[in-house]
Amino acid sequence: MVDETSHLLFATACRWVRSVHYVYHPEAQIIDGLPGDLMKVLFRDFDRNSGVLELPCFAPQDRLRGVTDGKVQPLRREPPVPLVATPRDRFRETRQFDFAYLSISPRYACQAAEGLMEVFRKYIHFRESAA
C-alpha cells in the first residue's frame, strides 16, 4: 500500500528517488487505470493519470482535513518524480536498477509471506544493508 506509512514515499520525499516503476499485483483493484492504493493527492494536480508524483506539503492543521479530494490545497509540492505503473505479469526490464525495494507488511500480508524472501533471492541479487 502506498500511503503515509510507505517507505517508498519517505524515500521520494527525501529526494532519494528520481523515478518510480511501480509493479503491482495483476488482480489489484484498478481505479482510473491505476492501482487503487495510489492516492490521487500524491499526483500533480490530484490527477492519478498525470504520471508524475508531486508529494504535497500541508499545514499541520490541514493534514487530515479534506486533503485527499483536493478541497485543501498544499502549501507546496516536492519536485516532480515520474511514475510508471505496470501489473506484475506484464513487467519486463533489461536495464539494471540502482535500487529495488521489497517489503512484506505485517499489516497486509500473512506470516507465510516471510518465506517468499528466499524465492525472490533466486531472481534478484539483494545487497544486505550494513546496519
Protein backbone atom coordinates (compact mmCIF):
# COMPACT_ATOMS: atom_id res chain seq x y z
CA MET A 1 0.00 0.00 0.00
CA VAL A 2 1.29 3.43 -0.89
CA ASP A 3 0.15 5.72 1.91
CA GLU A 4 1.65 7.97 4.56
CA THR A 5 3.43 4.95 6.10
CA SER A 6 5.14 3.90 2.87
CA HIS A 7 8.92 3.66 2.72
CA LEU A 8 8.65 4.50 -0.98
CA LEU A 9 7.02 7.85 -0.24
CA PHE A 10 9.54 8.56 2.51
CA ALA A 11 12.43 8.00 0.11
CA THR A 12 10.70 10.11 -2.53
CA ALA A 13 10.08 12.96 -0.09
CA CYS A 14 13.75 12.83 0.92
CA ARG A 15 14.58 13.29 -2.78
CA TRP A 16 16.47 10.00 -2.95
CA VAL A 17 14.31 8.76 -5.86
CA ARG A 18 14.46 10.09 -9.43
CA SER A 19 11.71 7.89 -10.90
CA VAL A 20 9.38 5.12 -9.77
CA HIS A 21 8.35 1.99 -11.63
CA TYR A 22 5.50 0.65 -9.52
CA VAL A 23 4.90 -3.07 -10.16
CA TYR A 24 1.58 -4.20 -8.76
CA HIS A 25 -0.41 -7.42 -8.45
CA PRO A 26 -2.41 -8.10 -11.63
CA GLU A 27 -5.57 -8.59 -9.56
CA ALA A 28 -5.19 -5.26 -7.75
CA GLN A 29 -8.23 -3.02 -7.61
CA ILE A 30 -7.86 -0.58 -10.51
CA ILE A 31 -9.25 2.95 -10.28
CA ASP A 32 -8.84 5.35 -13.20
CA GLY A 33 -6.36 2.96 -14.82
CA LEU A 34 -4.02 2.69 -11.79
CA PRO A 35 -3.88 0.54 -8.65
CA GLY A 36 -6.28 1.87 -6.04
CA ASP A 37 -3.56 2.25 -3.41
CA LEU A 38 -2.00 5.14 -5.34
CA MET A 39 -3.78 8.08 -3.74
CA LYS A 40 -4.60 10.99 -6.05
CA VAL A 41 -3.23 13.51 -3.54
CA LEU A 42 0.25 12.20 -4.40
CA PHE A 43 -0.01 13.25 -8.06
CA ARG A 44 0.40 16.51 -9.95
CA ASP A 45 -2.90 18.41 -9.88
CA PHE A 46 -4.50 15.47 -8.00
CA ASP A 47 -4.57 13.66 -11.38
CA ARG A 48 -3.67 9.98 -10.96
CA ASN A 49 -3.07 9.72 -14.71
CA SER A 50 -0.53 12.55 -14.84
CA GLY A 51 2.31 10.04 -14.50
CA VAL A 52 4.03 12.44 -12.11
CA LEU A 53 4.33 12.22 -8.35
CA GLU A 54 4.44 15.62 -6.66
CA LEU A 55 4.20 14.93 -2.96
CA PRO A 56 2.21 17.61 -1.14
CA CYS A 57 3.25 19.54 1.96
CA PHE A 58 0.24 20.56 4.05
CA ALA A 59 -0.09 22.85 7.03
CA PRO A 60 -0.35 20.80 10.26
CA GLN A 61 -3.98 21.83 10.80
CA ASP A 62 -4.93 20.67 7.28
CA ARG A 63 -3.07 17.38 7.36
CA LEU A 64 -6.14 15.18 7.86
CA ARG A 65 -8.89 17.50 6.61
CA GLY A 66 -10.00 17.11 3.01
CA VAL A 67 -6.52 16.67 1.61
CA THR A 68 -7.28 13.59 -0.49
CA ASP A 69 -10.06 15.21 -2.51
CA GLY A 70 -8.33 18.47 -3.41
CA LYS A 71 -10.50 20.70 -1.23
CA VAL A 72 -7.46 21.74 0.80
CA GLN A 73 -4.52 22.84 -1.32
CA PRO A 74 -0.97 22.04 -0.21
CA LEU A 75 1.40 24.80 0.83
CA ARG A 76 3.85 23.48 -1.73
CA ARG A 77 4.79 20.27 -3.53
CA GLU A 78 8.01 18.32 -3.71
CA PRO A 79 9.86 18.24 -7.06
CA PRO A 80 8.22 16.04 -9.73
CA VAL A 81 9.09 12.34 -9.91
CA PRO A 82 7.93 10.33 -12.95
CA LEU A 83 5.87 7.23 -12.13
CA VAL A 84 5.04 4.26 -14.34
CA ALA A 85 2.70 1.53 -13.03
CA THR A 86 2.76 -1.98 -14.52
CA PRO A 87 0.97 -5.17 -13.47
CA ARG A 88 3.42 -7.83 -12.33
CA ASP A 89 2.56 -10.23 -15.16
CA ARG A 90 3.46 -7.59 -17.81
CA PHE A 91 6.60 -6.22 -16.18
CA ARG A 92 9.80 -6.70 -18.22
CA GLU A 93 13.03 -4.81 -17.78
CA THR A 94 16.52 -5.35 -19.17
CA ARG A 95 18.23 -2.30 -17.63
CA GLN A 96 19.90 -2.53 -14.25
CA PHE A 97 18.19 -0.78 -11.38
CA ASP A 98 20.00 1.33 -8.84
CA PHE A 99 17.64 0.16 -6.13
CA ALA A 100 14.80 -2.32 -5.66
CA TYR A 101 12.58 -2.34 -2.62
CA LEU A 102 10.75 -5.44 -1.44
CA SER A 103 8.69 -5.36 1.70
CA ILE A 104 6.35 -7.70 3.47
CA SER A 105 3.98 -5.74 5.63
CA PRO A 106 2.55 -7.49 8.70
CA ARG A 107 -0.41 -5.14 8.31
CA TYR A 108 -1.33 -6.61 4.90
CA ALA A 109 0.43 -9.96 4.45
CA CYS A 110 0.14 -13.24 6.30
CA GLN A 111 3.12 -14.63 8.21
CA ALA A 112 3.70 -17.25 5.49
CA ALA A 113 4.82 -14.41 3.19
CA GLU A 114 8.11 -14.23 5.12
CA GLY A 115 9.18 -17.45 3.37
CA LEU A 116 8.85 -15.76 -0.02
CA MET A 117 12.03 -13.77 0.55
CA GLU A 118 14.05 -16.88 -0.28
CA VAL A 119 12.13 -17.28 -3.55
CA PHE A 120 12.97 -13.70 -4.51
CA ARG A 121 16.65 -14.30 -3.73
CA LYS A 122 16.75 -16.77 -6.64
CA TYR A 123 15.86 -13.98 -9.08
CA ILE A 124 17.12 -10.78 -7.51
CA HIS A 125 20.55 -10.09 -6.08
CA PHE A 126 19.97 -8.38 -2.75
CA ARG A 127 22.69 -6.31 -1.18
CA GLU A 128 22.49 -6.73 2.56
CA SER A 129 22.35 -3.48 4.49
CA ALA A 130 25.33 -2.63 6.66
CA ALA A 131 23.22 -1.81 9.71
